[in-house]
Amino acid sequence: MDSSTTLIAQNERSFMPSSFQVEDWDGIASFYIELNDRPIETQEQFEQWLKDWDELYAVVSEDMRLKYIKTSIDTTDETAKKKLESYYIDIDPKIKPWENKLQKRFEASSFKESLSEDFKNVKRGIEKDLALFTEKNIELSRDLSLLENKYAEISGAWSINYDGKDLTMPQASIYFKKVDRQVREDVYFLARERENKDAEALDDLMDQLVEKRHQLALNAGYENYRDYMFDEKHRFDYSPEDCQAFHQSVATAIIPLLRKIDEQRKASIGLDALRPWDMVVDSLQQAPLKPFNTTEDFVNKTVHCFNKLDPYFGACIADMYAKGNLDLESRKGKAPGGYMMAMPESGVPFIFMNHASSEGDVRVMVHEGGHAIHSFLDYSIPFANMRNTPSEVAELASMSMELFSLENWESYYPNEGDLKRAKRNHLEGLLKILPGVAKGDAFQHWMYTNPKHTRTERRAKWMELNKIYGAGVIDNTGLEKFQEVGYQGILHFYQVPFYYIEYGFAQLGAIAMWRNFKSNKQKAIQAYKNALSLGYTRSIPEIYQTADIQFDFSAEYVSDLANFVQTELDKL
């Protein structure tokens, strides 16, 4: 693998000293004061002021992201934890009122009217942020950031001992692919019992989060946190009613397909009843797929896979690996999950995940790899704030890459039988994502429009939604104490509220892009690159249009795309 390629040259600072590092508020304050007091008498001065403000944002934002990465790499690192907490407590609350002052200067300036169309979303975002801002929420936002970080502390400690081995939850998940059903059942109970030990603590945490988030909304003049978050997340292009339409479309078009898939699984395995530990084992009772051995092997295969799609894609992963911006293997004390973190100043993104040499790791890697490629593609946009794409676009990048990469999964699975299994599992999983997204989004709509709910009511609501968005084939008898707190395993609810529906919208977009890819690979890849290179200089529907797809979640459209996936499944 060629690791010498450098795709991004870091933007040089012109406003702040090149040696400056964020240590405390006092070190940053002078830059905000200068920007606030600087005379602006010409269009040229205004645009330079914007560039300098954006540079300050990039430096501070990247520093915070690096602090977060260090805490997730090792949740037991007290020094890293204190530095992140210091940012939340001492720096961020002081930044917010100054950002508000600068936004007011921007909004009051007539020079903004002469900015190019590329600034459209920046302008409407600032307008919305000004409407949302209140001094009363500064301290409350700080408290929320600290609370949200507690979830990683609790879940990062989850592990079980099985067969004489200490296993993290990602490592334990491999056992659900074992042919021996008793092994799967044993590990299921060990894992769920361990998580359940923290059920009350996690409900305590959720109670606090709901209460404080609701107060945040009230302070800003909103009736509830859901409506507040739609504006806070700058959801200009769709409404809560559109989300509810998506929920209904999924229930109508997707659930019947999944019921068919589950019934086929039950018949294939030869069971009277499907149990939760029967859902990921190979339906023909074959041994689990093993797509790679070591981390280096994993990276090499990913680069090879991406190279065959487009040499630029492979070069992105190779560049990250060369720079040490991949942390992929699961370790005790490491936070769960996976993410890509864009670096607004230095440019080269960071991928975090917890591989256990399993089939699911491939999906996570190509998913986060798609995010990373997006970050490389839009870094040429001169303003970091214009690269803050909404998740409906960000997830389009990652989910489309999952499907594009299927073309080259022989990099991981040279055996044809293994390759077909992996592809089928992925496509079935793709369909299963949609009800999960609809359920998760509907759950959050309910929680925050009913903020006075009890944890008993919350658990009951989750069980009700399980029935609506489940295919009705799995037998959960006797597992109610685990099922009713299933939401506690979803970090988004705790750390990034309302970041869930985006997966659904983007999954539809990704399927549409894949359909185009199957017709004309090069045209689809070019449309993908064109769309992602826009950053957030256009609306979501315009970006989707550039990608040669629709931003649509009607029942007819969802059904059309689902049938396409089913057709592809039938070929395997």
Protein backbone atom coordinates (compact mmCIF):
# COMPACT_ATOMS: atom_id res chain seq x y z
CA MET A 1 0.00 0.00 0.00
CA ASP A 2 1.35 3.40 -0.98
CA SER A 3 1.15 5.52 2.14
CA SER A 4 3.20 8.42 0.82
CA THR A 5 0.32 10.27 -0.86
CA THR A 6 -0.70 13.59 0.67
CA LEU A 7 -4.10 14.72 -0.56
CA ILE A 8 -4.58 17.75 1.65
CA ALA A 9 -2.27 20.64 2.36
CA GLN A 10 -3.34 22.24 5.63
CA ASN A 11 -4.66 25.75 5.26
CA GLU A 12 -2.16 28.28 6.60
CA ARG A 13 -3.32 30.64 9.31
CA SER A 14 -3.43 34.33 8.50
CA PHE A 15 -5.27 35.66 11.55
CA MET A 16 -3.91 33.55 14.41
CA PRO A 17 -0.25 32.66 15.09
CA SER A 18 0.72 29.33 13.53
CA SER A 19 2.04 28.15 16.93
CA PHE A 20 -1.16 29.03 18.83
CA GLN A 21 -2.82 26.20 20.75
CA VAL A 22 -6.06 26.30 22.72
CA GLU A 23 -5.23 26.03 26.42
CA ASP A 24 -7.80 28.17 28.19
CA TRP A 25 -10.30 30.96 27.61
CA ASP A 26 -7.78 33.73 28.26
CA GLY A 27 -5.73 32.56 25.28
CA ILE A 28 -8.73 32.73 22.94
CA ALA A 29 -10.51 35.82 24.25
CA SER A 30 -8.31 38.40 22.48
CA PHE A 31 -9.23 37.00 19.05
CA TYR A 32 -12.95 37.37 19.74
CA ILE A 33 -12.44 40.89 21.08
CA GLU A 34 -10.45 41.90 17.99
CA LEU A 35 -13.11 40.54 15.63
CA ASN A 36 -15.85 42.31 17.56
CA ASP A 37 -14.04 45.66 17.64
CA ARG A 38 -12.50 45.67 14.14
CA PRO A 39 -13.78 48.47 11.86
CA ILE A 40 -15.51 47.18 8.72
CA GLU A 41 -15.98 49.88 6.09
CA THR A 42 -15.68 48.04 2.77
CA GLN A 43 -16.84 44.79 1.17
CA GLU A 44 -13.23 43.62 1.08
CA GLN A 45 -12.82 44.26 4.82
CA PHE A 46 -16.06 42.45 5.53
CA GLU A 47 -15.00 39.36 3.60
CA GLN A 48 -11.58 39.34 5.31
CA TRP A 49 -13.37 39.61 8.65
CA LEU A 50 -15.45 36.58 7.68
CA LYS A 51 -12.31 34.60 6.77
CA ASP A 52 -10.68 35.44 10.10
CA TRP A 53 -13.79 34.52 12.04
CA ASP A 54 -13.93 31.23 10.18
CA GLU A 55 -10.26 30.55 10.96
CA LEU A 56 -10.94 31.05 14.66
CA TYR A 57 -13.89 28.65 14.43
CA ALA A 58 -11.74 26.01 12.69
CA VAL A 59 -8.92 26.21 15.25
CA VAL A 60 -11.19 26.01 18.30
CA SER A 61 -13.49 23.38 16.80
CA GLU A 62 -10.64 21.07 15.81
CA ASP A 63 -9.10 21.36 19.28
CA MET A 64 -12.38 20.29 20.88
CA ARG A 65 -12.70 17.36 18.48
CA LEU A 66 -9.21 16.16 19.28
CA LYS A 67 -10.02 16.30 22.99
CA TYR A 68 -13.17 14.23 22.37
CA ILE A 69 -11.22 11.65 20.36
CA LYS A 70 -8.75 11.18 23.20
CA THR A 71 -11.53 10.46 25.69
CA SER A 72 -13.22 7.94 23.41
CA ILE A 73 -9.95 6.14 22.62
CA ASP A 74 -9.48 5.56 26.35
CA THR A 75 -12.41 6.29 28.65
CA THR A 76 -10.14 5.64 31.67
CA ASP A 77 -7.71 8.46 30.74
CA GLU A 78 -8.41 10.95 33.51
CA THR A 79 -6.13 13.63 32.03
CA ALA A 80 -7.97 13.56 28.71
CA LYS A 81 -11.30 13.55 30.52
CA LYS A 82 -10.35 16.63 32.54
CA LYS A 83 -9.22 18.51 29.43
CA LEU A 84 -12.52 17.81 27.68
CA GLU A 85 -14.49 18.79 30.77
CA SER A 86 -12.41 21.96 31.02
CA TYR A 87 -13.44 22.84 27.49
CA TYR A 88 -17.13 22.26 28.33
CA ILE A 89 -16.93 24.17 31.64
CA ASP A 90 -14.39 26.96 31.06
CA ILE A 91 -14.21 27.62 27.32
CA ASP A 92 -17.41 26.78 25.46
CA PRO A 93 -19.77 28.78 27.76
CA LYS A 94 -17.58 31.87 27.20
CA ILE A 95 -17.42 31.36 23.43
CA LYS A 96 -21.20 31.31 22.95
CA PRO A 97 -21.96 34.99 23.85
CA TRP A 98 -19.05 36.17 21.70
CA GLU A 99 -20.24 34.09 18.77
CA ASN A 100 -23.63 35.69 19.29
CA LYS A 101 -22.05 39.17 19.11
CA LEU A 102 -20.25 38.32 15.87
CA GLN A 103 -23.42 36.85 14.38
CA LYS A 104 -25.22 40.11 15.21
CA ARG A 105 -22.48 42.09 13.43
CA PHE A 106 -22.89 39.83 10.41
CA GLU A 107 -26.67 40.16 10.40
CA ALA A 108 -26.54 43.97 10.75
CA SER A 109 -24.05 44.42 7.91
CA SER A 110 -25.34 45.44 4.49
CA PHE A 111 -22.20 43.88 2.99
CA LYS A 112 -23.64 40.39 3.49
CA GLU A 113 -26.09 41.06 0.65
CA SER A 114 -23.20 41.05 -1.84
CA LEU A 115 -21.93 37.62 -0.83
CA SER A 116 -22.22 34.82 -3.36
CA GLU A 117 -24.98 32.20 -3.41
CA ASP A 118 -22.54 29.84 -1.66
CA PHE A 119 -23.25 31.75 1.56
CA LYS A 120 -27.01 31.09 1.41
CA ASN A 121 -27.03 28.44 4.13
CA VAL A 122 -24.52 30.32 6.27
CA LYS A 123 -26.82 33.36 6.21
CA ARG A 124 -30.00 31.49 7.07
CA GLY A 125 -28.13 29.47 9.71
CA ILE A 126 -26.91 32.64 11.44
CA GLU A 127 -30.41 34.09 11.29
CA LYS A 128 -31.77 30.97 13.00
CA ASP A 129 -28.96 30.84 15.58
CA LEU A 130 -29.65 34.43 16.58
CA ALA A 131 -33.31 33.62 17.12
CA LEU A 132 -32.34 30.62 19.27
CA PHE A 133 -29.70 32.29 21.43
CA THR A 134 -30.35 33.20 25.03
CA GLU A 135 -27.87 33.81 27.83
CA LYS A 136 -30.00 31.56 30.04
CA ASN A 137 -28.92 28.52 28.01
CA ILE A 138 -25.16 28.94 28.25
CA GLU A 139 -24.76 27.24 31.61
CA LEU A 140 -27.49 24.74 30.77
CA SER A 141 -25.71 23.74 27.55
CA ARG A 142 -22.54 23.20 29.53
CA ASP A 143 -24.34 20.93 31.96
CA LEU A 144 -25.86 18.98 29.09
CA SER A 145 -22.46 18.42 27.45
CA LEU A 146 -21.12 16.97 30.69
CA LEU A 147 -24.17 14.75 31.12
CA GLU A 148 -24.00 13.49 27.53
CA ASN A 149 -20.39 12.46 28.05
CA LYS A 150 -21.41 10.26 31.00
CA TYR A 151 -23.06 7.81 28.60
CA ALA A 152 -19.66 6.87 27.13
CA GLU A 153 -18.28 6.38 30.64
CA ILE A 154 -21.07 3.96 31.56
CA SER A 155 -21.27 2.02 28.29
CA GLY A 156 -17.48 2.00 27.82
CA ALA A 157 -17.22 -0.20 30.92
CA TRP A 158 -19.46 -2.92 29.51
CA SER A 159 -17.74 -6.26 29.08
CA ILE A 160 -18.43 -9.93 29.81
CA ASN A 161 -16.36 -12.98 30.60
CA TYR A 162 -17.11 -15.96 28.40
CA ASP A 163 -15.13 -19.11 27.83
CA GLY A 164 -12.36 -17.71 30.01
CA LYS A 165 -12.06 -14.51 27.96
CA ASP A 166 -12.85 -10.91 28.86
CA LEU A 167 -14.86 -9.57 25.92
CA THR A 168 -15.97 -6.06 25.03
CA MET A 169 -19.46 -5.85 23.58
CA PRO A 170 -18.18 -5.62 19.98
CA GLN A 171 -16.03 -8.68 20.63
CA ALA A 172 -18.97 -10.52 22.23
CA SER A 173 -21.17 -9.74 19.21
CA ILE A 174 -19.06 -12.14 17.11
CA TYR A 175 -20.50 -15.04 19.09
CA PHE A 176 -23.99 -14.34 17.74
CA LYS A 177 -22.73 -15.72 14.43
CA LYS A 178 -21.70 -19.05 16.00
CA VAL A 179 -23.53 -22.12 14.68
CA ASP A 180 -23.89 -23.52 18.22
CA ARG A 181 -27.21 -22.08 19.34
CA GLN A 182 -26.48 -22.58 23.04
CA VAL A 183 -23.35 -20.45 22.71
CA ARG A 184 -25.39 -17.66 21.13
CA GLU A 185 -28.02 -17.84 23.86
CA ASP A 186 -25.43 -17.88 26.65
CA VAL A 187 -23.63 -14.82 25.29
CA TYR A 188 -26.93 -13.02 24.71
CA PHE A 189 -27.90 -13.38 28.36
CA LEU A 190 -24.44 -12.48 29.64
CA ALA A 191 -24.38 -9.31 27.51
CA ARG A 192 -27.93 -8.22 28.26
CA GLU A 193 -27.56 -8.90 32.00
CA ARG A 194 -24.38 -6.82 32.09
CA GLU A 195 -26.05 -3.93 30.31
CA ASN A 196 -29.13 -4.30 32.48
CA LYS A 197 -27.05 -3.66 35.61
CA ASP A 198 -26.85 -0.05 34.44
CA ALA A 199 -30.50 0.21 33.40
CA GLU A 200 -31.51 2.40 36.34
CA ALA A 201 -28.40 4.57 36.03
CA LEU A 202 -29.09 5.09 32.32
CA ASP A 203 -32.73 5.91 32.98
CA ASP A 204 -31.58 8.40 35.65
CA LEU A 205 -29.32 9.93 33.02
CA MET A 206 -32.11 10.03 30.44
CA ASP A 207 -34.48 11.66 32.95
CA GLN A 208 -31.93 14.42 33.53
CA LEU A 209 -31.29 14.87 29.82
CA VAL A 210 -34.99 15.16 28.96
CA GLU A 211 -35.60 17.64 31.78
CA LYS A 212 -32.67 19.88 30.88
CA ARG A 213 -33.29 19.68 27.13
CA HIS A 214 -36.93 20.67 27.67
CA GLN A 215 -35.83 23.63 29.78
CA LEU A 216 -33.38 24.61 27.05
CA ALA A 217 -36.29 24.78 24.62
CA LEU A 218 -38.51 26.75 27.00
CA ASN A 219 -35.73 29.27 27.63
CA ALA A 220 -35.48 29.87 23.86
CA GLY A 221 -39.24 30.40 23.53
CA TYR A 222 -40.20 26.97 22.17
CA GLU A 223 -42.98 24.70 23.35
CA ASN A 224 -40.81 21.61 23.26
CA TYR A 225 -37.32 20.34 22.55
CA ARG A 226 -38.29 18.67 19.29
CA ASP A 227 -39.30 21.96 17.68
CA TYR A 228 -36.23 23.63 19.16
CA MET A 229 -33.95 20.96 17.67
CA PHE A 230 -35.46 21.27 14.21
CA ASP A 231 -34.31 24.87 14.19
CA GLU A 232 -31.08 24.23 16.06
CA LYS A 233 -30.14 21.58 13.47
CA HIS A 234 -31.10 24.01 10.69
CA ARG A 235 -33.69 21.68 9.21
CA PHE A 236 -34.80 24.16 6.58
CA ASP A 237 -35.87 21.62 3.99
CA TYR A 238 -38.34 19.38 5.86
CA SER A 239 -40.69 19.39 8.87
CA PRO A 240 -41.76 17.11 11.77
CA GLU A 241 -44.77 16.22 9.62
CA ASP A 242 -42.42 15.02 6.86
CA CYS A 243 -40.70 12.79 9.42
CA GLN A 244 -44.03 11.31 10.43
CA ALA A 245 -44.80 10.66 6.76
CA PHE A 246 -41.51 8.77 6.55
CA HIS A 247 -42.45 6.72 9.64
CA GLN A 248 -45.70 5.70 7.96
CA SER A 249 -44.01 4.96 4.61
CA VAL A 250 -41.61 2.58 6.32
CA ALA A 251 -44.38 0.80 8.22
CA THR A 252 -46.32 0.37 4.96
CA ALA A 253 -43.56 -0.52 2.50
CA ILE A 254 -40.71 -2.09 4.48
CA ILE A 255 -42.22 -4.15 7.30
CA PRO A 256 -43.91 -6.69 4.95
CA LEU A 257 -40.56 -7.33 3.20
CA LEU A 258 -38.81 -7.88 6.52
CA ARG A 259 -41.55 -10.25 7.68
CA LYS A 260 -40.89 -12.33 4.57
CA ILE A 261 -37.12 -12.29 5.22
CA ASP A 262 -37.58 -13.36 8.86
CA GLU A 263 -39.96 -16.17 7.90
CA GLN A 264 -37.42 -17.40 5.35
CA ARG A 265 -34.74 -17.33 8.05
CA LYS A 266 -36.88 -19.34 10.47
CA ALA A 267 -37.58 -21.97 7.81
CA SER A 268 -33.98 -22.12 6.64
CA ILE A 269 -32.58 -22.66 10.15
CA GLY A 270 -35.40 -25.11 10.90
CA LEU A 271 -36.73 -23.47 14.07
CA ASP A 272 -40.20 -23.42 15.54
CA ALA A 273 -39.52 -19.94 16.84
CA LEU A 274 -36.89 -17.29 16.09
CA ARG A 275 -35.23 -15.80 19.16
CA PRO A 276 -33.10 -12.61 19.26
CA TRP A 277 -29.89 -14.68 19.29
CA ASP A 278 -30.92 -16.32 16.01
CA MET A 279 -30.95 -13.17 13.93
CA VAL A 280 -27.37 -12.80 12.71
CA VAL A 281 -26.16 -16.40 12.51
CA ASP A 282 -25.91 -17.65 8.95
CA SER A 283 -29.29 -19.06 7.98
CA LEU A 284 -27.60 -22.12 6.44
CA GLN A 285 -25.68 -22.69 9.68
CA GLN A 286 -22.30 -21.89 8.16
CA ALA A 287 -19.41 -20.60 10.22
CA PRO A 288 -19.09 -16.81 10.67
CA LEU A 289 -17.40 -14.93 7.88
CA LYS A 290 -13.95 -13.60 8.63
CA PRO A 291 -13.13 -10.81 6.19
CA PHE A 292 -9.69 -9.95 7.59
CA ASN A 293 -7.15 -10.92 10.25
CA THR A 294 -5.14 -7.95 11.52
CA THR A 295 -5.78 -4.22 11.50
CA GLU A 296 -3.15 -3.76 8.79
CA ASP A 297 -4.84 -6.46 6.72
CA PHE A 298 -8.16 -4.67 7.21
CA VAL A 299 -6.76 -1.35 6.03
CA ASN A 300 -4.98 -2.88 3.04
CA LYS A 301 -8.15 -4.63 1.90
CA THR A 302 -10.19 -1.46 2.31
CA VAL A 303 -7.69 0.55 0.25
CA HIS A 304 -7.81 -2.16 -2.44
CA CYS A 305 -11.62 -2.17 -2.43
CA PHE A 306 -11.84 1.62 -2.70
CA ASN A 307 -9.09 1.84 -5.32
CA LYS A 308 -11.12 -0.34 -7.69
CA LEU A 309 -14.02 2.10 -7.39
CA ASP A 310 -11.88 5.20 -7.82
CA PRO A 311 -8.14 5.61 -7.09
CA TYR A 312 -8.93 8.82 -5.22
CA PHE A 313 -11.07 6.90 -2.72
CA GLY A 314 -8.29 4.45 -1.93
CA ALA A 315 -5.77 7.27 -1.60
CA CYS A 316 -7.95 8.92 1.07
CA ILE A 317 -7.86 5.83 3.32
CA ALA A 318 -4.12 5.34 2.70
CA ASP A 319 -3.43 8.97 3.63
CA MET A 320 -5.35 8.65 6.90
CA TYR A 321 -3.50 5.44 7.78
CA ALA A 322 -0.14 7.02 7.05
CA LYS A 323 -0.95 9.94 9.34
CA GLY A 324 -2.16 7.76 12.23
CA ASN A 325 -5.76 8.93 11.84
CA LEU A 326 -7.32 5.46 12.09
CA ASP A 327 -8.09 3.83 15.46
CA LEU A 328 -9.93 0.68 14.50
CA GLU A 329 -9.51 -2.25 16.92
CA SER A 330 -11.72 -2.89 19.96
CA ARG A 331 -10.04 -2.56 23.37
CA LYS A 332 -11.16 -2.68 26.97
CA GLY A 333 -11.88 0.85 28.17
CA LYS A 334 -12.44 2.16 24.67
CA ALA A 335 -15.80 3.86 24.05
CA PRO A 336 -18.27 1.83 21.95
CA GLY A 337 -19.39 2.63 18.44
CA GLY A 338 -17.75 4.17 15.46
CA TYR A 339 -17.47 7.62 13.94
CA MET A 340 -15.59 9.82 11.51
CA MET A 341 -14.42 13.15 12.81
CA ALA A 342 -13.71 15.88 10.27
CA MET A 343 -10.81 18.21 11.04
CA PRO A 344 -11.85 21.71 9.96
CA GLU A 345 -8.33 23.16 10.14
CA SER A 346 -5.82 20.40 9.34
CA GLY A 347 -8.16 18.68 6.88
CA VAL A 348 -7.31 14.98 7.24
CA PRO A 349 -10.22 13.30 9.08
CA PHE A 350 -10.11 10.67 11.83
CA ILE A 351 -11.93 7.31 11.88
CA PHE A 352 -12.77 5.62 15.18
CA MET A 353 -14.31 2.16 15.43
CA ASN A 354 -14.18 -1.11 17.37
CA HIS A 355 -13.36 -3.94 14.99
CA ALA A 356 -13.36 -7.53 16.15
CA SER A 357 -12.41 -9.10 12.78
CA SER A 358 -16.07 -9.68 11.99
CA GLU A 359 -18.38 -9.24 9.03
CA GLY A 360 -20.05 -6.15 10.52
CA ASP A 361 -16.70 -4.39 10.71
CA VAL A 362 -16.58 -4.15 6.93
CA ARG A 363 -19.85 -2.24 6.85
CA VAL A 364 -18.65 0.16 9.55
CA MET A 365 -15.34 0.75 7.78
CA VAL A 366 -16.78 1.47 4.34
CA HIS A 367 -19.47 3.62 6.00
CA GLU A 368 -17.00 5.75 7.93
CA GLY A 369 -14.71 5.68 4.90
CA GLY A 370 -17.51 7.34 2.91
CA HIS A 371 -17.71 10.07 5.54
CA ALA A 372 -13.94 10.53 5.33
CA ILE A 373 -13.96 10.81 1.54
CA HIS A 374 -16.69 13.45 1.88
CA SER A 375 -14.40 15.36 4.23
CA PHE A 376 -11.54 15.19 1.73
CA LEU A 377 -13.78 16.26 -1.16
CA ASP A 378 -15.24 19.37 0.45
CA TYR A 379 -12.04 20.58 2.16
CA SER A 380 -11.32 22.75 -0.90
CA ILE A 381 -14.26 24.96 0.11
CA PRO A 382 -12.47 27.92 1.73
CA PHE A 383 -14.89 28.43 4.62
CA ALA A 384 -15.02 25.69 7.26
CA ASN A 385 -18.59 26.67 8.14
CA MET A 386 -19.62 25.90 4.58
CA ARG A 387 -18.36 22.36 5.06
CA ASN A 388 -20.72 21.67 7.96
CA THR A 389 -23.10 19.64 5.85
CA PRO A 390 -26.35 18.49 7.40
CA SER A 391 -26.46 14.84 8.31
CA GLU A 392 -28.97 14.11 5.55
CA VAL A 393 -26.08 14.80 3.18
CA ALA A 394 -23.27 13.44 5.37
CA GLU A 395 -25.02 10.09 5.73
CA LEU A 396 -25.72 10.01 2.01
CA ALA A 397 -21.94 10.00 1.52
CA SER A 398 -21.40 7.08 3.90
CA MET A 399 -24.37 4.93 2.97
CA SER A 400 -23.81 5.32 -0.76
CA MET A 401 -20.22 4.19 -0.27
CA GLU A 402 -21.47 1.06 1.50
CA LEU A 403 -23.46 0.13 -1.59
CA PHE A 404 -20.89 1.24 -4.17
CA SER A 405 -18.21 -0.81 -2.41
CA LEU A 406 -20.31 -4.00 -2.62
CA GLU A 407 -19.03 -4.20 -6.19
CA ASN A 408 -15.54 -4.91 -4.86
CA TRP A 409 -16.14 -6.88 -1.66
CA GLU A 410 -14.11 -9.73 -3.10
CA SER A 411 -11.24 -7.73 -1.52
CA TYR A 412 -12.57 -9.05 1.80
CA TYR A 413 -14.24 -12.24 0.54
CA PRO A 414 -12.27 -13.95 -2.27
CA ASN A 415 -14.50 -17.03 -1.98
CA GLU A 416 -17.61 -16.58 -4.16
CA GLY A 417 -19.92 -18.28 -1.67
CA ASP A 418 -18.68 -16.05 1.15
CA LEU A 419 -19.08 -13.00 -1.07
CA LYS A 420 -22.72 -13.78 -1.85
CA ARG A 421 -23.43 -14.37 1.85
CA ALA A 422 -21.87 -11.05 2.82
CA LYS A 423 -23.76 -9.15 0.12
CA ARG A 424 -27.07 -10.75 1.06
CA ASN A 425 -26.52 -10.03 4.76
CA HIS A 426 -25.70 -6.42 3.96
CA LEU A 427 -28.76 -5.85 1.79
CA GLU A 428 -31.07 -7.45 4.33
CA GLY A 429 -29.46 -5.29 7.01
CA LEU A 430 -29.98 -2.24 4.84
CA LEU A 431 -33.73 -2.86 4.82
CA LYS A 432 -33.70 -3.46 8.57
CA ILE A 433 -32.10 -0.06 9.16
CA LEU A 434 -35.19 1.76 7.94
CA PRO A 435 -37.68 0.52 10.61
CA GLY A 436 -34.98 1.06 13.24
CA VAL A 437 -34.62 4.66 12.12
CA ALA A 438 -38.38 5.23 11.99
CA LYS A 439 -38.78 3.73 15.47
CA GLY A 440 -35.88 5.74 16.91
CA ASP A 441 -37.13 9.00 15.44
CA ALA A 442 -40.74 8.39 16.48
CA PHE A 443 -39.48 7.58 19.99
CA GLN A 444 -37.65 10.89 20.25
CA HIS A 445 -40.63 12.83 18.88
CA TRP A 446 -42.74 11.26 21.64
CA MET A 447 -40.18 11.77 24.43
CA TYR A 448 -39.69 15.46 23.82
CA THR A 449 -43.30 16.39 23.05
CA ASN A 450 -44.22 14.57 26.29
CA PRO A 451 -41.38 15.78 28.52
CA LYS A 452 -43.13 14.98 31.80
CA HIS A 453 -43.28 11.25 31.04
CA THR A 454 -42.06 8.73 33.62
CA ARG A 455 -39.47 6.06 32.92
CA THR A 456 -42.26 3.49 33.15
CA GLU A 457 -44.15 5.32 30.39
CA ARG A 458 -40.93 5.63 28.39
CA ARG A 459 -40.32 1.91 28.55
CA ALA A 460 -43.94 1.20 27.60
CA LYS A 461 -43.67 3.53 24.59
CA TRP A 462 -40.54 1.75 23.42
CA MET A 463 -42.33 -1.61 23.61
CA GLU A 464 -45.30 -0.18 21.70
CA LEU A 465 -42.99 1.04 18.93
CA ASN A 466 -41.24 -2.33 18.88
CA LYS A 467 -44.57 -3.88 17.87
CA ILE A 468 -45.25 -1.29 15.16
CA TYR A 469 -41.79 -1.48 13.59
CA GLY A 470 -41.06 -5.15 14.21
CA ALA A 471 -41.85 -7.81 11.65
CA GLY A 472 -43.67 -9.84 14.30
CA VAL A 473 -41.72 -13.07 13.74
CA ILE A 474 -39.16 -12.94 16.58
CA ASP A 475 -40.26 -14.53 19.88
CA ASN A 476 -39.23 -12.29 22.81
CA THR A 477 -41.06 -14.25 25.50
CA GLY A 478 -39.34 -13.86 28.87
CA LEU A 479 -37.02 -11.15 27.62
CA GLU A 480 -39.18 -8.17 28.47
CA LYS A 481 -36.77 -6.69 31.02
CA PHE A 482 -34.15 -6.43 28.26
CA GLN A 483 -36.51 -5.40 25.49
CA GLU A 484 -38.14 -2.54 27.36
CA VAL A 485 -34.81 -0.74 27.85
CA GLY A 486 -33.50 -1.41 24.34
CA TYR A 487 -33.24 2.33 23.73
CA GLN A 488 -30.41 2.49 26.27
CA GLY A 489 -28.07 0.79 23.82
CA ILE A 490 -28.51 3.60 21.26
CA LEU A 491 -25.92 6.27 21.99
CA HIS A 492 -27.60 8.81 19.68
CA PHE A 493 -30.49 9.23 22.12
CA TYR A 494 -28.04 10.24 24.82
CA GLN A 495 -25.26 12.07 23.00
CA VAL A 496 -26.68 13.40 19.71
CA PRO A 497 -30.47 13.78 20.13
CA PHE A 498 -32.55 13.76 16.95
CA TYR A 499 -29.60 12.52 14.97
CA TYR A 500 -31.41 9.46 13.63
CA ILE A 501 -33.93 10.33 10.95
CA GLU A 502 -31.00 11.39 8.78
CA TYR A 503 -30.00 7.73 8.42
CA GLY A 504 -33.41 6.97 6.97
CA PHE A 505 -33.51 9.82 4.46
CA ALA A 506 -29.92 9.14 3.44
CA GLN A 507 -30.52 5.39 3.14
CA LEU A 508 -33.24 6.07 0.59
CA GLY A 509 -30.88 8.40 -1.25
CA ALA A 510 -28.10 5.81 -1.15
CA ILE A 511 -30.34 3.11 -2.63
CA ALA A 512 -31.30 5.51 -5.41
CA MET A 513 -27.61 6.27 -6.05
CA TRP A 514 -26.83 2.55 -6.11
CA ARG A 515 -29.59 2.00 -8.63
CA ASN A 516 -27.92 4.63 -10.81
CA PHE A 517 -24.55 2.97 -10.16
CA LYS A 518 -25.86 -0.36 -11.43
CA SER A 519 -26.83 1.36 -14.68
CA ASN A 520 -23.74 3.52 -15.17
CA LYS A 521 -20.91 3.21 -12.63
CA GLN A 522 -18.71 6.07 -13.75
CA LYS A 523 -21.60 8.50 -14.12
CA ALA A 524 -22.88 7.63 -10.62
CA ILE A 525 -19.43 8.00 -9.02
CA GLN A 526 -18.92 11.37 -10.70
CA ALA A 527 -22.37 12.53 -9.51
CA TYR A 528 -21.41 11.37 -5.98
CA LYS A 529 -18.17 13.38 -6.09
CA ASN A 530 -19.91 16.44 -7.54
CA ALA A 531 -22.60 16.42 -4.84
CA LEU A 532 -20.22 15.96 -1.93
CA SER A 533 -17.84 18.63 -3.21
CA LEU A 534 -20.63 21.18 -2.70
CA GLY A 535 -20.32 20.98 1.09
CA TYR A 536 -23.28 22.95 2.38
CA THR A 537 -23.30 25.66 -0.28
CA ARG A 538 -26.68 24.44 -1.58
CA SER A 539 -29.94 23.17 -0.05
CA ILE A 540 -30.43 19.45 0.67
CA PRO A 541 -32.79 18.95 -2.33
CA GLU A 542 -30.25 20.73 -4.58
CA ILE A 543 -27.39 18.52 -3.35
CA TYR A 544 -29.51 15.41 -3.92
CA GLN A 545 -30.35 16.70 -7.39
CA THR A 546 -26.62 17.14 -8.11
CA ALA A 547 -26.22 13.50 -7.06
CA ASP A 548 -28.91 12.69 -9.67
CA ILE A 549 -31.46 11.49 -7.09
CA GLN A 550 -34.59 12.79 -5.31
CA PHE A 551 -35.06 14.01 -1.76
CA ASP A 552 -38.31 12.10 -1.33
CA PHE A 553 -39.82 9.93 1.40
CA SER A 554 -43.30 9.26 0.10
CA ALA A 555 -44.75 5.76 0.45
CA GLU A 556 -44.61 5.31 -3.34
CA TYR A 557 -40.92 6.23 -3.51
CA VAL A 558 -39.97 4.11 -0.50
CA SER A 559 -41.84 1.14 -1.95
CA ASP A 560 -40.14 1.60 -5.32
CA LEU A 561 -36.65 1.60 -3.79
CA ALA A 562 -37.44 -1.31 -1.46
CA ASN A 563 -38.58 -3.40 -4.42
CA PHE A 564 -35.32 -2.63 -6.21
CA VAL A 565 -33.36 -3.94 -3.20
CA GLN A 566 -35.56 -7.04 -3.11
CA THR A 567 -34.83 -7.63 -6.81
CA GLU A 568 -31.10 -7.44 -6.11
CA LEU A 569 -31.50 -9.83 -3.19
CA ASP A 570 -33.27 -12.33 -5.41
CA LYS A 571 -30.20 -12.42 -7.67
CA LEU A 572 -28.00 -13.70 -4.83
